[in-house]
Protein backbone atom coordinates (compact mmCIF):
# COMPACT_ATOMS: atom_id res chain seq x y z
CA UNK A 1 -34.87 19.28 -9.26
CA UNK A 2 -33.32 16.28 -10.77
CA UNK A 3 -35.83 14.06 -9.10
CA UNK A 4 -38.58 15.77 -10.01
CA UNK A 5 -37.15 15.82 -13.68
CA UNK A 6 -36.99 12.02 -13.29
CA UNK A 7 -40.41 11.65 -12.24
CA UNK A 8 -42.13 13.73 -14.82
CA UNK A 9 -40.08 11.97 -17.52
CA UNK A 10 -41.48 8.47 -15.88
CA UNK A 11 -45.20 9.70 -16.30
CA UNK A 12 -44.69 10.98 -20.01
CA UNK A 13 -43.24 7.37 -20.91
CA UNK A 14 -46.07 5.74 -18.91
CA UNK A 15 -48.83 7.69 -20.60
CA UNK A 16 -47.44 7.20 -23.98
CA UNK A 17 -47.32 3.32 -23.23
CA UNK A 18 -51.02 3.43 -22.11
CA UNK A 19 -52.06 5.63 -25.18
CA UNK A 20 -50.02 3.02 -27.61
CA UNK A 21 -51.78 0.06 -25.70
CA UNK A 22 -55.24 0.98 -26.84
CA UNK A 23 -54.46 2.59 -30.39
CA UNK A 24 -56.10 0.46 -33.27
CA UNK A 25 -53.50 -1.92 -35.02
CA UNK A 26 -53.11 -1.10 -38.59
CA UNK A 27 -50.39 -0.69 -41.36
CA UNK A 28 -48.52 1.68 -39.41
CA UNK A 29 -49.28 1.01 -36.34
CA UNK A 30 -48.77 -2.15 -34.06
CA UNK A 31 -49.43 -1.33 -29.87
CA UNK A 32 -46.96 -4.13 -28.87
CA UNK A 33 -44.50 -2.83 -31.37
CA UNK A 34 -45.02 0.99 -30.35
CA UNK A 35 -44.76 -0.28 -26.30
CA UNK A 36 -41.31 -1.31 -27.26
CA UNK A 37 -40.10 1.67 -28.86
CA UNK A 38 -41.19 4.09 -26.18
CA UNK A 39 -39.57 1.90 -23.43
CA UNK A 40 -36.41 1.77 -25.60
CA UNK A 41 -36.38 5.55 -25.92
CA UNK A 42 -37.53 6.46 -22.35
CA UNK A 43 -36.67 9.91 -20.83
CA UNK A 44 -34.27 8.06 -18.05
CA UNK A 45 -31.02 9.66 -18.86
CA UNK A 46 -28.96 7.29 -16.48
CA UNK A 47 -29.84 3.98 -18.06
CA UNK A 48 -30.40 2.40 -21.43
CA UNK A 49 -32.95 -0.39 -21.86
CA UNK A 50 -31.13 -2.90 -23.77
CA UNK A 51 -33.54 -5.26 -23.58
CA UNK A 52 -36.38 -3.65 -25.37
CA UNK A 53 -33.77 -2.09 -27.75
CA UNK A 54 -32.67 -5.27 -28.86
CA UNK A 55 -36.34 -6.37 -29.36
CA UNK A 56 -36.87 -3.63 -31.93
CA UNK A 57 -34.43 -5.22 -33.64
CA UNK A 58 -35.54 -8.63 -33.47
CA UNK A 59 -39.07 -7.59 -34.66
CA UNK A 60 -37.63 -5.84 -37.47
CA UNK A 61 -35.93 -9.01 -38.43
CA UNK A 62 -38.46 -10.99 -37.88
CA UNK A 63 -40.24 -9.54 -40.79
CA UNK A 64 -39.73 -6.41 -43.18
CA UNK A 65 -43.23 -5.52 -42.96
CA UNK A 66 -42.66 -4.38 -39.09
CA UNK A 67 -40.35 -1.75 -40.70
CA UNK A 68 -43.20 0.95 -41.63
CA UNK A 69 -45.09 0.89 -37.99
CA UNK A 70 -41.28 1.08 -36.25
CA UNK A 71 -40.39 3.96 -38.85
CA UNK A 72 -43.85 5.71 -38.27
CA UNK A 73 -43.82 5.44 -34.31
CA UNK A 74 -40.19 6.56 -34.05
CA UNK A 75 -40.87 9.51 -36.33
CA UNK A 76 -43.71 10.86 -34.21
CA UNK A 77 -42.15 10.65 -31.00
CA UNK A 78 -38.80 12.24 -32.24
CA UNK A 79 -40.60 15.07 -33.98
CA UNK A 80 -42.77 15.74 -30.67
CA UNK A 81 -39.85 15.58 -28.37
CA UNK A 82 -37.78 18.43 -26.54
CA UNK A 83 -35.88 15.91 -24.51
CA UNK A 84 -32.15 15.23 -25.54
CA UNK A 85 -32.07 12.37 -23.92
CA UNK A 86 -35.10 11.07 -25.74
CA UNK A 87 -33.89 12.48 -28.98
CA UNK A 88 -30.55 10.57 -28.51
CA UNK A 89 -31.96 7.24 -27.94
CA UNK A 90 -33.91 7.87 -30.85
CA UNK A 91 -31.03 8.34 -33.24
CA UNK A 92 -29.27 5.47 -31.65
CA UNK A 93 -31.94 3.41 -32.19
CA UNK A 94 -32.20 4.32 -35.98
CA UNK A 95 -28.43 3.96 -36.03
CA UNK A 96 -28.87 0.39 -35.39
CA UNK A 97 -31.84 -0.35 -37.53
CA UNK A 98 -29.78 1.20 -40.64
CA UNK A 99 -27.11 -1.36 -39.47
CA UNK A 100 -29.37 -4.07 -40.13
CA UNK A 101 -28.52 -3.91 -43.81
CA UNK A 102 -32.33 -4.75 -44.48
CA UNK A 103 -33.03 -4.06 -48.50
CA UNK A 104 -36.15 -2.19 -47.31
CA UNK A 105 -34.13 0.50 -44.96
CA UNK A 106 -30.77 0.60 -46.99
CA UNK A 107 -32.51 1.82 -50.17
CA UNK A 108 -34.88 4.61 -48.97
CA UNK A 109 -32.79 7.73 -48.20
CA UNK A 110 -32.98 10.35 -45.78
CA UNK A 111 -34.28 9.90 -42.06
CA UNK A 112 -37.78 10.23 -41.65
CA UNK A 113 -37.66 12.90 -39.20
CA UNK A 114 -35.84 16.08 -38.93
CA UNK A 115 -33.60 17.24 -35.76
CA UNK A 116 -31.18 19.79 -37.45
CA UNK A 117 -32.84 22.23 -35.21
CA UNK A 118 -33.21 20.57 -32.16
CA UNK A 119 -33.47 22.50 -28.92
CA UNK A 120 -33.70 20.86 -25.51
CA UNK A 121 -36.73 22.57 -23.87
CA UNK A 122 -35.99 21.33 -20.03
CA UNK A 123 -32.70 22.56 -19.73
CA UNK A 124 -31.27 26.23 -19.53
CA UNK A 125 -30.03 27.35 -22.16
CA UNK A 126 -26.88 27.89 -21.10
CA UNK A 127 -26.31 24.52 -20.06
CA UNK A 128 -28.50 22.79 -23.15
CA UNK A 129 -26.35 24.05 -26.03
CA UNK A 130 -23.60 21.00 -25.81
CA UNK A 131 -26.33 18.63 -25.77
CA UNK A 132 -28.18 20.09 -28.51
CA UNK A 133 -25.03 20.20 -30.47
CA UNK A 134 -24.27 16.90 -29.94
CA UNK A 135 -27.89 15.75 -31.04
CA UNK A 136 -27.51 17.97 -34.24
CA UNK A 137 -24.46 16.45 -35.09
CA UNK A 138 -25.57 13.01 -34.57
CA UNK A 139 -28.49 13.51 -36.91
CA UNK A 140 -26.62 15.51 -39.61
CA UNK A 141 -24.28 12.54 -39.64
CA UNK A 142 -26.79 9.42 -39.78
CA UNK A 143 -28.96 11.73 -42.35
CA UNK A 144 -25.97 11.90 -44.63
CA UNK A 145 -25.11 8.29 -44.23
CA UNK A 146 -28.60 7.18 -45.11
CA UNK A 147 -28.71 9.13 -48.32
CA UNK A 148 -25.29 7.98 -49.31
CA UNK A 149 -26.35 4.44 -48.83
CA UNK A 150 -29.01 4.91 -50.86
CA UNK A 151 -27.45 6.19 -53.51
CA UNK A 152 -25.41 3.64 -53.74
CA UNK A 153 -27.86 0.79 -53.29
CA UNK A 154 -30.10 2.47 -56.04
CA UNK A 155 -26.96 2.75 -58.54
CA UNK A 156 -26.54 -1.17 -57.94
CA UNK A 157 -30.07 -1.82 -58.79
CA UNK A 158 -29.73 0.28 -61.91
CA UNK A 159 -26.84 -1.73 -62.63
CA UNK A 160 -28.16 -5.19 -62.17
CA UNK A 161 -31.37 -4.29 -64.29
CA UNK A 162 -28.96 -3.53 -67.12
CA UNK A 163 -27.75 -7.85 -67.45
CA UNK A 164 -26.83 -6.87 -70.87
CA UNK A 165 -23.84 -4.37 -70.21
CA UNK A 166 -21.67 -4.95 -67.01
CA UNK A 167 -21.31 -1.52 -66.09
CA UNK A 168 -18.15 -0.47 -64.27
CA UNK A 169 -17.57 2.39 -62.12
CA UNK A 170 -15.37 5.27 -64.12
CA UNK A 171 -12.11 6.19 -62.17
CA UNK A 172 -13.79 9.74 -61.45
CA UNK A 173 -16.86 8.44 -60.00
CA UNK A 174 -14.77 6.24 -57.75
CA UNK A 175 -12.83 9.14 -56.53
CA UNK A 176 -15.86 11.10 -56.16
CA UNK A 177 -17.25 8.20 -53.99
CA UNK A 178 -13.89 8.92 -51.66
CA UNK A 179 -14.65 12.70 -51.21
CA UNK A 180 -18.13 11.64 -49.86
CA UNK A 181 -16.72 9.04 -47.51
CA UNK A 182 -14.35 11.67 -46.46
CA UNK A 183 -17.26 14.04 -45.71
CA UNK A 184 -18.86 11.57 -43.78
CA UNK A 185 -15.73 10.98 -41.56
CA UNK A 186 -15.34 14.75 -40.99
CA UNK A 187 -18.79 14.83 -40.02
CA UNK A 188 -18.37 12.14 -37.88
CA UNK A 189 -15.66 13.81 -35.84
CA UNK A 190 -17.85 16.37 -35.23
CA UNK A 191 -20.02 14.18 -32.87
CA UNK A 192 -18.32 14.34 -29.43
CA UNK A 193 -19.13 15.92 -25.98
CA UNK A 194 -18.43 19.66 -25.57
CA UNK A 195 -17.98 20.04 -21.82
CA UNK A 196 -17.04 17.43 -19.25
CA UNK A 197 -19.91 17.08 -17.25
CA UNK A 198 -21.88 15.84 -20.52
CA UNK A 199 -19.48 12.21 -19.92
CA UNK A 200 -22.89 10.49 -18.65
CA UNK A 201 -23.64 7.21 -19.31
CA UNK A 202 -26.00 7.74 -22.22
CA UNK A 203 -23.37 10.14 -24.10
CA UNK A 204 -20.77 7.34 -23.86
CA UNK A 205 -22.87 4.78 -25.10
CA UNK A 206 -23.67 7.15 -27.96
CA UNK A 207 -19.93 7.81 -28.26
CA UNK A 208 -19.40 3.85 -28.41
CA UNK A 209 -21.76 3.33 -31.27
CA UNK A 210 -19.94 6.43 -33.00
CA UNK A 211 -16.33 4.90 -32.62
CA UNK A 212 -17.70 1.53 -34.32
CA UNK A 213 -19.11 3.74 -37.18
CA UNK A 214 -15.19 5.39 -37.56
CA UNK A 215 -13.91 2.13 -37.84
CA UNK A 216 -16.34 1.17 -40.51
CA UNK A 217 -16.08 3.90 -42.69
CA UNK A 218 -12.20 4.41 -42.32
CA UNK A 219 -11.69 1.17 -43.16
CA UNK A 220 -14.01 1.18 -46.39
CA UNK A 221 -12.23 4.28 -47.32
CA UNK A 222 -8.74 3.04 -47.09
CA UNK A 223 -9.84 -0.41 -48.95
CA UNK A 224 -10.99 1.97 -51.77
CA UNK A 225 -8.35 4.53 -52.15
CA UNK A 226 -5.69 1.62 -52.53
CA UNK A 227 -7.77 0.07 -55.53
CA UNK A 228 -8.18 3.53 -56.84
CA UNK A 229 -4.50 4.40 -56.76
CA UNK A 230 -3.70 1.54 -58.73
CA UNK A 231 -6.25 2.61 -61.42
CA UNK A 232 -4.85 6.02 -61.43
CA UNK A 233 -0.98 4.42 -61.66
CA UNK A 234 -2.17 2.34 -64.61
CA UNK A 235 -4.15 4.89 -66.35
CA UNK A 236 -1.92 7.94 -65.74
CA UNK A 237 -4.65 10.52 -66.48
CA UNK A 238 -3.90 13.95 -65.17
CA UNK A 239 -7.15 14.94 -64.25
CA UNK A 240 -7.91 11.91 -61.86
CA UNK A 241 -4.44 12.29 -60.51
CA UNK A 242 -5.14 16.04 -59.28
CA UNK A 243 -8.49 14.85 -57.59
CA UNK A 244 -6.51 11.48 -56.29
CA UNK A 245 -3.70 14.29 -54.97
CA UNK A 246 -6.46 16.26 -53.30
CA UNK A 247 -7.97 13.10 -51.76
CA UNK A 248 -4.55 12.01 -50.24
CA UNK A 249 -3.99 15.69 -48.76
CA UNK A 250 -7.28 15.28 -47.43
CA UNK A 251 -6.62 12.00 -46.00
CA UNK A 252 -3.24 12.89 -44.26
CA UNK A 253 -5.48 15.68 -42.35
CA UNK A 254 -7.91 13.44 -41.45
CA UNK A 255 -5.07 10.85 -40.32
CA UNK A 256 -4.13 13.51 -37.78
CA UNK A 257 -7.61 14.64 -36.51
CA UNK A 258 -8.50 10.63 -36.00
CA UNK A 259 -5.68 9.97 -33.99
CA UNK A 260 -6.80 12.81 -31.63
CA UNK A 261 -10.25 11.88 -32.04
CA UNK A 262 -9.33 8.17 -30.61
CA UNK A 263 -7.16 9.83 -27.82
CA UNK A 264 -10.14 12.11 -26.70
CA UNK A 265 -12.51 9.25 -26.78
CA UNK A 266 -10.00 7.27 -24.87
CA UNK A 267 -9.68 9.95 -22.15
CA UNK A 268 -13.35 10.36 -21.62
CA UNK A 269 -13.49 6.32 -20.87
CA UNK A 270 -15.43 5.30 -24.36
CA UNK A 271 -15.19 1.29 -24.08
CA UNK A 272 -14.85 0.81 -27.91
CA UNK A 273 -11.64 3.12 -27.95
CA UNK A 274 -10.06 1.32 -25.39
CA UNK A 275 -7.79 -0.54 -27.87
CA UNK A 276 -6.89 2.90 -29.64
CA UNK A 277 -5.73 2.34 -33.37
CA UNK A 278 -2.66 3.99 -34.42
CA UNK A 279 -3.51 5.95 -38.01
CA UNK A 280 -0.02 6.11 -40.02
CA UNK A 281 0.45 9.23 -42.14
CA UNK A 282 -0.31 8.69 -45.77
CA UNK A 283 2.91 7.89 -48.15
CA UNK A 284 4.82 10.72 -49.09
CA UNK A 285 6.06 8.24 -51.94
CA UNK A 286 2.22 8.20 -53.23
CA UNK A 287 2.22 11.85 -53.22
CA UNK A 288 5.04 12.42 -55.33
CA UNK A 289 3.80 9.58 -57.59
CA UNK A 290 0.63 11.44 -58.13
CA UNK A 291 2.70 14.74 -59.03
CA UNK A 292 4.73 13.20 -61.38
CA UNK A 293 1.65 11.86 -63.22
CA UNK A 294 0.46 15.44 -63.17
CA UNK A 295 3.65 16.59 -64.45
CA UNK A 296 3.70 14.51 -67.25
CA UNK A 297 6.14 11.71 -65.92
CA UNK A 298 4.99 7.91 -65.70
CA UNK A 299 3.55 6.66 -62.74
CA UNK A 300 5.00 3.18 -62.80
CA UNK A 301 6.68 2.04 -60.09
CA UNK A 302 7.66 -1.09 -57.99
CA UNK A 303 8.55 -2.00 -54.51
CA UNK A 304 11.29 -4.30 -53.29
CA UNK A 305 10.36 -6.86 -51.12
CA UNK A 306 11.90 -8.60 -47.98
CA UNK A 307 13.48 -11.36 -50.19
CA UNK A 308 14.74 -8.89 -52.97
CA UNK A 309 12.13 -9.57 -55.59
CA UNK A 310 10.10 -6.77 -57.08
CA UNK A 311 6.37 -6.29 -56.37
CA UNK A 312 4.19 -4.45 -58.75
CA UNK A 313 1.57 -1.81 -58.19
CA UNK A 314 -0.91 -4.44 -59.04
CA UNK A 315 0.42 -6.36 -55.59
CA UNK A 316 -0.12 -3.77 -53.45
CA UNK A 317 -2.90 -2.25 -51.14
CA UNK A 318 -2.99 0.22 -48.37
CA UNK A 319 -5.01 -1.21 -45.58
CA UNK A 320 -6.40 -0.51 -42.07
CA UNK A 321 -5.69 -3.76 -40.11
CA UNK A 322 -5.39 -5.10 -36.72
CA UNK A 323 -1.66 -5.17 -35.49
CA UNK A 324 -1.95 -7.81 -33.39
CA UNK A 325 -3.22 -10.20 -36.34
CA UNK A 326 -0.64 -12.05 -38.08
CA UNK A 327 -0.40 -12.11 -42.21
CA UNK A 328 2.46 -12.10 -44.87
CA UNK A 329 3.46 -8.38 -45.11
CA UNK A 330 6.03 -7.06 -47.34
CA UNK A 331 6.64 -3.80 -45.32
CA UNK A 332 4.97 -2.78 -41.87
CA UNK A 333 6.29 -0.16 -39.22
CA UNK A 334 6.44 -1.16 -35.76
CA UNK A 335 3.30 -0.20 -34.03
CA UNK A 336 1.78 -0.40 -30.86
CA UNK A 337 -1.64 -2.31 -30.26
CA UNK A 338 -4.17 -1.33 -32.63
CA UNK A 339 -4.97 -0.43 -36.40
CA UNK A 340 -2.17 0.99 -38.64
CA UNK A 341 -1.97 1.04 -42.41
CA UNK A 342 0.48 -1.32 -44.17
CA UNK A 343 1.64 -2.40 -47.82
CA UNK A 344 0.65 -6.48 -48.31
CA UNK A 345 1.02 -8.41 -51.13
CA UNK A 346 -2.78 -9.71 -50.84
CA UNK A 347 -5.70 -7.40 -50.33
CA UNK A 348 -7.33 -7.55 -46.87
CA UNK A 349 -11.00 -8.88 -46.35
CA UNK A 350 -13.39 -6.44 -45.39
CA UNK A 351 -16.82 -6.67 -44.24
CA UNK A 352 -18.28 -7.00 -47.79
CA UNK A 353 -15.98 -10.26 -48.20
CA UNK A 354 -17.66 -12.17 -45.86
CA UNK A 355 -20.76 -14.13 -45.07
CA UNK A 356 -22.23 -15.22 -41.99
CA UNK A 357 -23.49 -18.48 -40.98
CA UNK A 358 -26.14 -19.47 -38.71
CA UNK A 359 -24.14 -19.23 -35.47
CA UNK A 360 -22.86 -15.77 -36.33
CA UNK A 361 -19.72 -17.09 -37.44
CA UNK A 362 -17.85 -14.95 -40.24
CA UNK A 363 -16.76 -17.18 -42.96
CA UNK A 364 -14.81 -16.36 -46.28
CA UNK A 365 -15.94 -17.86 -49.62
CA UNK A 366 -13.62 -20.86 -48.80
CA UNK A 367 -15.49 -21.49 -45.94
CA UNK A 368 -12.60 -20.33 -43.80
CA UNK A 369 -13.71 -19.11 -40.07
CA UNK A 370 -12.35 -15.14 -39.35
CA UNK A 371 -11.86 -14.03 -35.92
CA UNK A 372 -11.74 -10.30 -35.45
CA UNK A 373 -10.56 -7.95 -32.53
CA UNK A 374 -12.34 -7.40 -29.14
CA UNK A 375 -13.99 -4.36 -30.47
CA UNK A 376 -17.85 -4.11 -28.86
CA UNK A 377 -20.70 -3.67 -31.17
CA UNK A 378 -23.26 -1.83 -29.49
CA UNK A 379 -25.90 -3.26 -31.89
CA UNK A 380 -25.60 -7.10 -31.02
CA UNK A 381 -28.54 -8.32 -30.19
CA UNK A 382 -29.93 -11.63 -28.49
CA UNK A 383 -32.69 -13.64 -30.52
CA UNK A 384 -36.31 -14.37 -28.59
CA UNK A 385 -39.72 -14.81 -30.23
CA UNK A 386 -41.32 -12.13 -31.94
CA UNK A 387 -44.86 -12.59 -33.73
CA UNK A 388 -44.02 -13.49 -37.29
CA UNK A 389 -45.76 -11.48 -40.08
CA UNK A 390 -45.24 -13.31 -43.33
CA UNK A 391 -44.28 -11.92 -46.39
CA UNK A 392 -46.25 -12.98 -49.73
CA UNK A 393 -45.64 -13.35 -53.17
CA UNK A 394 -47.02 -10.01 -54.52
CA UNK A 395 -45.41 -6.94 -54.30
CA UNK A 396 -45.71 -5.34 -50.56
CA UNK A 397 -46.23 -1.74 -49.87
CA UNK A 398 -42.87 -1.12 -48.15
CA UNK A 399 -42.42 2.76 -46.51
CA UNK A 400 -41.50 5.61 -47.56
CA UNK A 401 -38.88 7.24 -45.02
CA UNK A 402 -39.23 10.49 -47.03
CA UNK A 403 -43.01 11.09 -46.84
CA UNK A 404 -43.75 9.83 -43.41
C-alpha cells in the first residue's frame, strides 16, 4: 500500500511537471519556475528536495517580478492538493519566502490560499487527523504572521510619508503590539506532532523551521518588553500599567509553556532544539513595580550594580541571550547552555540593528562582525545563476496576494 502511494504521488508530480513545461509564459506563469515549485513540493514524504527549494528562493531574489508567478503557481497547487505532504511542503516554502524580507512580500497581508479546513484525502480519517491538525496550525500561524508584518510595514510607510511630523508609537500601541506578539507565540506553540508515529523526517524539518521562528518572535518580544517597561516606569500611567501587568503575567505563563515546548522538541529529535534555551521567569520585582503604579505609588527605582554603584531604569533591559556569549552584565543567574533572560547595562543587538555584507557576515554600524550561535537556518541558501528579469523605473504591477 505504501509503495503504491509513493508511485501514485510520483506519477501526479510528473504529470504536473509535464503540463507546466508546455504552459504559456506570461505575467502569472513561468514554466521553468513552475517546474521548480512542483519539485520542491512533491508528494514524497520521505525526502525534501532542498536543491529545488533553494532554487525557488534564488529566483525570487534575482528579481521581484518572479514573485507573481511564484505565488500564483504555489497557490493553485495548495488549493488543489489533498495531500498533507504537499500542503506542508508548500507552507514551509511560503515560510521561506516570507523570511526573504523583500518589500513586495512583506506588505501584502494574508496568505494567498486557505488551508484552515485542510483534510488529507488519502489517509484513513483516524490516522489523518494529527496531520490535518499540524497543517492547519502551521497555516494559521503563517497567515496571522503575514497579516501582522503587513500591518507594521504599512504603518511604517505611512509614517515615512509624513516627513514633516515625526510619528512615535504611543505606549498603548506598543503594549498592543506586545499582546499581538504573545498571540503569535501561542499559535506557534500549537504547531507540534500529536502522535509519536508523526515523527517523520518531513515533520521534523517543519519543526526546525518553527523552532527558529519561536526564537525570533520571543527575542523580539523580550527586547520590546524591556523598552515598554521603562516607558511605563517613566510615565507612571495607571491604565498602561494595568495592561503592562497583564502582559507580564501572560509572559510568565508563556515562559513555562516555552520551556516545556523546547523540552518536547528536543525529545523528539528536532535539530534546532538540541541547544535548548532556558527561559527565566519574569522578575517579581517588575510585577510589584507595576502593581505599585496601579495603586498610585511611584515607579522610580534603582538597581545596585556589582561594584556598589546605582544603575537607573534607563540603563536596564530584559533580553534573551546566548549564555555562552561573553559581555558585561550587572546581574545574571547561573544557567546551562542556551538562552536566558538577564539584566544588562547595554541594549543587546537584535536583527534590526544588523547589516549583512556581501559574504553574509553580520555587521554592526561601526563595522564590527557579530558571530551568533550554531542554530541552523532551514532557509539558508546557496546561490547559482537564475535568469535575471530587470525591474524598470516605471511602477511595476506587483502581485496582490489577497485576490490571487
